[in-house]
Amino acid sequence: MATPRRPGALAGAMYLLTHVTSVGAVILYGPMLDDDRWSGGTGSGLPQQLGALSDVVLAVAVVGTAVALFPHVRRRSETGAMAYVGLRVLEASIAAVGAVLVIAAVQMRAAGEASVAAGLVEAYRWAFFVGPGLVVGFHTTILAAVLLRHRLVPAWITWLGLAGAPLVTASNLLIFFGREDQVSVTASLAAVPIFAWEVSLALFLLIKGLRLPRVDQVPAAQPAVGQPAAV
């Protein structure tokens, strides 16, 4: 007899894919992000193009996490499920826009338009900041609250999300208003709980799955007064 697929396992796989592709994109972008001379340089833009492709896969995986969790979360909170999907789609859309900006920057660099390429790279930085930066705090709070209330995963995992969401949001708001650099020790430390939340949740979903009640544990409907029980 086939073993039923663990509920939420697909979402766990999608979560892990988002981390692999996001880290891969940063590595492939390389000097585009940390060397101001890249825009005026020469040479192949293939690594950056592959990085943009990684961001496209990231966008698909981000939507995949929401789609995979939606039917399970909706049974507990339809509003929470819809809000989570909407925010994840928003995050994925911004990531896809970022990929387009990178491709355009590579083309402008190849055409010798260094100033345009530099502007497109800066636009990418802020797209990344708004998407995986600001939006993540909101959808993390929503999902973690639903999972905690209905005990779908261990409480310690949800508390990582609930503690990390305001920290990363506050850090990103400081960056937004110019009070903190995008790359700093403070920003890195603020992101640690969110990273731990997503990795822990991904592994738990992949290995254990959501803690859903078994069908034989769901209370049977009681017959109406005056009506015989079904046999």
Protein backbone atom coordinates (compact mmCIF):
# COMPACT_ATOMS: atom_id res chain seq x y z
CA MET A 1 0.00 0.00 0.00
CA ALA A 2 1.34 3.44 -0.91
CA THR A 3 2.21 5.73 1.99
CA PRO A 4 0.27 9.05 1.90
CA ARG A 5 2.43 12.04 1.13
CA ARG A 6 3.26 14.05 4.23
CA PRO A 7 1.14 17.24 4.24
CA GLY A 8 3.36 20.26 3.77
CA ALA A 9 6.38 18.30 2.45
CA LEU A 10 6.20 20.06 -0.91
CA ALA A 11 6.19 23.43 0.84
CA GLY A 12 9.30 22.38 2.78
CA ALA A 13 11.07 21.49 -0.45
CA MET A 14 10.05 24.84 -1.96
CA TYR A 15 11.35 26.70 1.10
CA LEU A 16 14.74 25.01 0.77
CA LEU A 17 14.78 25.82 -2.96
CA THR A 18 14.23 29.51 -2.19
CA HIS A 19 17.36 29.52 -0.02
CA VAL A 20 19.47 27.63 -2.56
CA THR A 21 18.46 29.94 -5.43
CA SER A 22 18.77 33.18 -3.43
CA VAL A 23 22.27 32.32 -2.21
CA GLY A 24 23.20 31.06 -5.67
CA ALA A 25 22.05 34.31 -7.27
CA VAL A 26 24.15 36.43 -4.91
CA ILE A 27 27.23 34.30 -5.61
CA LEU A 28 26.70 34.49 -9.37
CA TYR A 29 26.13 38.26 -9.32
CA GLY A 30 29.53 38.60 -7.64
CA PRO A 31 31.26 41.87 -8.59
CA MET A 32 28.02 43.36 -9.92
CA LEU A 33 26.92 43.88 -6.33
CA ASP A 34 30.19 44.65 -4.55
CA ASP A 35 32.35 46.40 -7.16
CA ASP A 36 31.27 49.80 -8.51
CA ARG A 37 33.63 49.33 -11.47
CA TRP A 38 31.59 46.40 -12.82
CA SER A 39 29.21 48.65 -14.79
CA GLY A 40 32.05 50.14 -16.80
CA GLY A 41 33.99 46.93 -17.22
CA THR A 42 34.18 44.42 -20.02
CA GLY A 43 33.95 40.67 -20.23
CA SER A 44 31.19 38.10 -20.15
CA GLY A 45 27.97 38.86 -18.33
CA LEU A 46 27.06 35.16 -18.25
CA PRO A 47 27.42 34.77 -14.45
CA GLN A 48 25.01 37.66 -13.91
CA GLN A 49 22.57 36.23 -16.46
CA LEU A 50 22.66 32.89 -14.64
CA GLY A 51 22.08 34.79 -11.40
CA ALA A 52 19.00 36.40 -12.93
CA LEU A 53 17.78 32.94 -13.93
CA SER A 54 18.26 31.83 -10.32
CA ASP A 55 16.09 34.75 -9.23
CA VAL A 56 13.37 33.60 -11.64
CA VAL A 57 13.49 30.11 -10.11
CA LEU A 58 13.41 31.79 -6.70
CA ALA A 59 10.21 33.61 -7.66
CA VAL A 60 8.59 30.35 -8.76
CA ALA A 61 9.64 28.61 -5.52
CA VAL A 62 8.30 31.49 -3.41
CA VAL A 63 4.88 31.11 -5.02
CA GLY A 64 5.23 27.34 -4.66
CA THR A 65 5.51 27.56 -0.87
CA ALA A 66 2.27 29.52 -0.67
CA VAL A 67 0.38 27.26 -3.09
CA ALA A 68 1.54 24.11 -1.31
CA LEU A 69 0.52 25.41 2.13
CA PHE A 70 -2.71 27.12 1.06
CA PRO A 71 -5.15 24.15 1.26
CA HIS A 72 -3.89 23.18 4.73
CA VAL A 73 -3.79 26.71 6.18
CA ARG A 74 -7.17 27.64 4.66
CA ARG A 75 -8.94 24.98 6.77
CA ARG A 76 -7.75 26.85 9.87
CA SER A 77 -7.79 30.46 8.66
CA GLU A 78 -9.05 31.37 5.22
CA THR A 79 -8.12 35.01 5.71
CA GLY A 80 -4.62 34.09 6.85
CA ALA A 81 -4.16 31.70 3.93
CA MET A 82 -5.25 34.28 1.37
CA ALA A 83 -3.09 37.00 2.92
CA TYR A 84 -0.07 34.69 2.93
CA VAL A 85 -0.54 33.77 -0.72
CA GLY A 86 -1.01 37.41 -1.72
CA LEU A 87 2.13 38.58 0.06
CA ARG A 88 4.20 35.70 -1.32
CA VAL A 89 3.02 36.51 -4.84
CA LEU A 90 4.00 40.14 -4.24
CA GLU A 91 7.46 39.05 -3.07
CA ALA A 92 7.87 36.77 -6.10
CA SER A 93 6.77 39.53 -8.48
CA ILE A 94 9.39 41.90 -7.12
CA ALA A 95 12.05 39.18 -7.38
CA ALA A 96 11.10 38.65 -11.04
CA VAL A 97 11.36 42.41 -11.67
CA GLY A 98 14.82 42.29 -10.10
CA ALA A 99 15.85 39.58 -12.57
CA VAL A 100 14.68 41.78 -15.46
CA LEU A 101 16.73 44.69 -14.12
CA VAL A 102 19.85 42.52 -13.99
CA ILE A 103 19.40 41.31 -17.58
CA ALA A 104 18.95 44.93 -18.69
CA ALA A 105 22.07 45.98 -16.75
CA VAL A 106 24.14 43.29 -18.49
CA GLN A 107 22.90 44.48 -21.89
CA MET A 108 23.65 48.14 -21.12
CA ARG A 109 27.11 47.22 -19.87
CA ALA A 110 27.81 45.32 -23.09
CA ALA A 111 26.65 48.37 -25.08
CA GLY A 112 29.07 50.63 -23.19
CA GLU A 113 26.32 52.46 -21.27
CA ALA A 114 28.04 52.31 -17.90
CA SER A 115 25.90 54.94 -16.17
CA VAL A 116 22.67 53.24 -17.27
CA ALA A 117 23.98 49.85 -16.16
CA ALA A 118 24.93 51.29 -12.77
CA GLY A 119 21.44 52.76 -12.38
CA LEU A 120 19.84 49.42 -13.18
CA VAL A 121 22.06 47.65 -10.65
CA GLU A 122 21.03 50.16 -7.98
CA ALA A 123 17.39 49.59 -8.90
CA TYR A 124 17.97 45.86 -8.45
CA ARG A 125 19.41 46.44 -4.98
CA TRP A 126 16.26 48.25 -3.88
CA ALA A 127 13.96 45.72 -5.54
CA PHE A 128 15.70 43.00 -3.53
CA PHE A 129 15.38 45.15 -0.40
CA VAL A 130 11.62 45.65 -0.82
CA GLY A 131 10.81 42.07 -1.90
CA PRO A 132 12.75 39.63 0.28
CA GLY A 133 13.39 42.51 2.70
CA LEU A 134 10.27 44.38 3.76
CA VAL A 135 7.56 41.96 2.59
CA VAL A 136 9.03 38.94 4.38
CA GLY A 137 8.24 40.30 7.85
CA PHE A 138 4.53 40.56 7.09
CA HIS A 139 3.94 37.14 5.58
CA THR A 140 6.12 35.50 8.24
CA THR A 141 3.97 36.98 11.01
CA ILE A 142 0.76 35.77 9.34
CA LEU A 143 1.92 32.22 8.70
CA ALA A 144 3.67 31.78 12.06
CA ALA A 145 0.58 33.01 13.94
CA VAL A 146 -1.71 30.52 12.17
CA LEU A 147 0.72 27.64 12.64
CA LEU A 148 1.13 28.48 16.34
CA ARG A 149 -2.57 28.90 17.06
CA HIS A 150 -3.48 25.57 15.50
CA ARG A 151 -0.30 23.74 16.60
CA LEU A 152 0.54 22.60 13.08
CA VAL A 153 4.29 22.67 13.81
CA PRO A 154 6.31 22.81 17.07
CA ALA A 155 5.84 26.08 18.92
CA TRP A 156 9.57 26.88 19.02
CA ILE A 157 9.64 27.09 15.22
CA THR A 158 6.76 29.56 15.11
CA TRP A 159 8.33 31.70 17.84
CA LEU A 160 11.45 32.05 15.71
CA GLY A 161 9.24 33.57 13.02
CA LEU A 162 7.23 35.76 15.38
CA ALA A 163 10.40 37.08 17.03
CA GLY A 164 12.34 37.47 13.80
CA ALA A 165 9.65 39.24 11.77
CA PRO A 166 9.62 42.53 13.75
CA LEU A 167 13.42 42.50 14.00
CA VAL A 168 13.98 42.19 10.26
CA THR A 169 11.18 44.68 9.53
CA ALA A 170 12.66 47.27 11.90
CA SER A 171 16.13 46.75 10.43
CA ASN A 172 14.83 47.18 6.89
CA LEU A 173 12.91 50.31 7.81
CA LEU A 174 16.13 51.80 9.20
CA ILE A 175 17.78 51.02 5.86
CA PHE A 176 14.82 52.49 3.99
CA PHE A 177 15.16 55.81 5.82
CA GLY A 178 18.95 55.87 5.47
CA ARG A 179 19.76 55.20 9.12
CA GLU A 180 21.56 51.94 8.41
CA ASP A 181 23.57 50.45 5.54
CA GLN A 182 22.09 47.60 3.52
CA VAL A 183 25.17 45.55 4.33
CA SER A 184 26.02 45.85 8.03
CA VAL A 185 26.54 43.73 11.13
CA THR A 186 23.25 44.95 12.60
CA ALA A 187 21.26 44.03 9.50
CA SER A 188 22.92 40.61 9.36
CA LEU A 189 22.14 39.87 13.01
CA ALA A 190 18.51 40.99 12.57
CA ALA A 191 18.09 38.49 9.74
CA VAL A 192 19.32 35.47 11.73
CA PRO A 193 15.99 34.55 13.43
CA ILE A 194 14.10 34.75 10.11
CA PHE A 195 16.70 32.56 8.45
CA ALA A 196 16.44 30.07 11.33
CA TRP A 197 12.64 30.14 11.08
CA GLU A 198 12.56 29.36 7.38
CA VAL A 199 15.21 26.62 7.50
CA SER A 200 13.68 24.98 10.59
CA LEU A 201 10.19 25.13 9.11
CA ALA A 202 11.42 23.75 5.78
CA LEU A 203 13.17 20.79 7.39
CA PHE A 204 10.24 20.00 9.69
CA LEU A 205 7.74 20.09 6.82
CA LEU A 206 10.00 17.98 4.65
CA ILE A 207 10.73 15.36 7.31
CA LYS A 208 7.60 15.33 9.49
CA GLY A 209 4.91 17.28 7.64
CA LEU A 210 2.17 19.38 9.18
CA ARG A 211 0.48 18.11 12.33
CA LEU A 212 -2.96 17.57 10.85
CA PRO A 213 -5.61 15.52 12.69
CA ARG A 214 -6.18 12.04 11.30
CA VAL A 215 -9.50 11.38 9.65
CA ASP A 216 -10.44 8.83 12.33
CA GLN A 217 -9.73 11.45 15.02
CA VAL A 218 -12.20 14.00 13.64
CA PRO A 219 -15.38 13.92 15.79
CA ALA A 220 -18.35 12.46 13.95
CA ALA A 221 -21.35 14.71 13.41
CA GLN A 222 -24.03 14.26 16.07
CA PRO A 223 -27.55 13.40 14.87
CA ALA A 224 -30.18 16.06 15.28
CA VAL A 225 -32.55 15.82 18.25
CA GLY A 226 -35.42 13.48 17.49
CA GLN A 227 -33.64 11.77 14.61
CA PRO A 228 -32.16 8.27 14.79
CA ALA A 229 -28.42 7.87 14.49
CA ALA A 230 -27.12 6.58 11.18
CA VAL A 231 -26.16 2.91 11.10
